[in-house]
Amino acid sequence: MSCLNLLTAKQAATQMGVAVTTLATWRSRGNGPVYLKRGGKVFYRASDIEAFVAARTTEHGGAQ
């Protein structure tokens, strides 16, 4: 598992700052990060989590 840098749903949720149930909802709706199932368990590649977060991150310039 470590060769792919896989995260459990709990680890991915913690990294993203969301609840595990939010990831489950996103999976059921098909609008969350890419995930893998191995032996009936859900895993996320760290790179897919980073890409998902980056695609939904907006930076705002501060007042000067």
C-alpha atoms as a PDB file:
ATOM      1  CA  MET A   1       0.000   0.000   0.000  1.00  0.00           C
ATOM      2  CA  SER A   2       2.738   2.471   0.856  1.00  0.00           C
ATOM      3  CA  CYS A   3       4.256   2.253  -2.632  1.00  0.00           C
ATOM      4  CA  LEU A   4       1.178   4.101  -3.952  1.00  0.00           C
ATOM      5  CA  ASN A   5       1.012   6.437  -0.947  1.00  0.00           C
ATOM      6  CA  LEU A   6      -2.570   5.427  -0.189  1.00  0.00           C
ATOM      7  CA  LEU A   7      -4.640   7.024   2.544  1.00  0.00           C
ATOM      8  CA  THR A   8      -7.612   5.571   4.360  1.00  0.00           C
ATOM      9  CA  ALA A   9     -10.864   7.508   4.200  1.00  0.00           C
ATOM     10  CA  LYS A  10     -10.196   8.758   7.730  1.00  0.00           C
ATOM     11  CA  GLN A  11      -6.694   9.968   6.822  1.00  0.00           C
ATOM     12  CA  ALA A  12      -7.958  11.628   3.635  1.00  0.00           C
ATOM     13  CA  ALA A  13     -10.791  13.342   5.503  1.00  0.00           C
ATOM     14  CA  THR A  14      -8.370  14.645   8.121  1.00  0.00           C
ATOM     15  CA  GLN A  15      -6.019  15.952   5.445  1.00  0.00           C
ATOM     16  CA  MET A  16      -8.901  17.711   3.692  1.00  0.00           C
ATOM     17  CA  GLY A  17     -10.538  19.036   6.845  1.00  0.00           C
ATOM     18  CA  VAL A  18     -13.867  17.306   6.206  1.00  0.00           C
ATOM     19  CA  ALA A  19     -15.782  14.517   7.913  1.00  0.00           C
ATOM     20  CA  VAL A  20     -15.456  10.895   6.795  1.00  0.00           C
ATOM     21  CA  THR A  21     -19.201  10.989   6.122  1.00  0.00           C
ATOM     22  CA  THR A  22     -18.651  13.898   3.719  1.00  0.00           C
ATOM     23  CA  LEU A  23     -16.266  11.740   1.686  1.00  0.00           C
ATOM     24  CA  ALA A  24     -18.852   8.941   1.690  1.00  0.00           C
ATOM     25  CA  THR A  25     -21.514  11.347   0.432  1.00  0.00           C
ATOM     26  CA  TRP A  26     -19.193  12.625  -2.289  1.00  0.00           C
ATOM     27  CA  ARG A  27     -18.425   9.028  -3.340  1.00  0.00           C
ATOM     28  CA  SER A  28     -22.127   8.194  -3.617  1.00  0.00           C
ATOM     29  CA  ARG A  29     -22.771  11.349  -5.657  1.00  0.00           C
ATOM     30  CA  GLY A  30     -19.686  10.867  -7.826  1.00  0.00           C
ATOM     31  CA  ASN A  31     -18.310  14.344  -7.172  1.00  0.00           C
ATOM     32  CA  GLY A  32     -15.461  13.701  -4.743  1.00  0.00           C
ATOM     33  CA  PRO A  33     -11.816  12.829  -5.213  1.00  0.00           C
ATOM     34  CA  VAL A  34     -10.812   9.695  -7.108  1.00  0.00           C
ATOM     35  CA  TYR A  35     -10.799   6.649  -4.836  1.00  0.00           C
ATOM     36  CA  LEU A  36      -9.813   2.994  -4.969  1.00  0.00           C
ATOM     37  CA  LYS A  37     -11.445  -0.041  -3.394  1.00  0.00           C
ATOM     38  CA  ARG A  38      -9.256  -2.872  -2.204  1.00  0.00           C
ATOM     39  CA  GLY A  39     -10.716  -5.768  -0.296  1.00  0.00           C
ATOM     40  CA  GLY A  40     -13.934  -3.825   0.220  1.00  0.00           C
ATOM     41  CA  LYS A  41     -12.092  -0.892   1.805  1.00  0.00           C
ATOM     42  CA  VAL A  42     -11.840   2.617   0.355  1.00  0.00           C
ATOM     43  CA  PHE A  43      -8.467   4.282  -0.191  1.00  0.00           C
ATOM     44  CA  TYR A  44      -7.350   7.554  -1.712  1.00  0.00           C
ATOM     45  CA  ARG A  45      -4.046   8.378  -3.374  1.00  0.00           C
ATOM     46  CA  ALA A  46      -2.402  11.310  -1.614  1.00  0.00           C
ATOM     47  CA  SER A  47      -1.764  12.902  -5.018  1.00  0.00           C
ATOM     48  CA  ASP A  48      -5.489  12.695  -5.894  1.00  0.00           C
ATOM     49  CA  ILE A  49      -6.429  14.386  -2.612  1.00  0.00           C
ATOM     50  CA  GLU A  50      -3.896  17.158  -3.246  1.00  0.00           C
ATOM     51  CA  ALA A  51      -5.187  17.656  -6.806  1.00  0.00           C
ATOM     52  CA  PHE A  52      -8.822  17.714  -5.638  1.00  0.00           C
ATOM     53  CA  VAL A  53      -8.088  20.346  -2.994  1.00  0.00           C
ATOM     54  CA  ALA A  54      -5.934  22.430  -5.360  1.00  0.00           C
ATOM     55  CA  ALA A  55      -8.667  22.452  -8.012  1.00  0.00           C
ATOM     56  CA  ARG A  56     -11.115  23.868  -5.470  1.00  0.00           C
ATOM     57  CA  THR A  57      -8.832  26.409  -3.845  1.00  0.00           C
ATOM     58  CA  THR A  58      -9.198  30.095  -4.615  1.00  0.00           C
ATOM     59  CA  GLU A  59      -6.700  32.688  -3.484  1.00  0.00           C
ATOM     60  CA  HIS A  60      -7.865  36.203  -2.818  1.00  0.00           C
ATOM     61  CA  GLY A  61      -5.507  39.139  -2.731  1.00  0.00           C
ATOM     62  CA  GLY A  62      -5.519  41.180   0.428  1.00  0.00           C
ATOM     63  CA  ALA A  63      -6.050  44.925   0.593  1.00  0.00           C
ATOM     64  CA  GLN A  64      -2.876  46.945   0.453  1.00  0.00           C
END
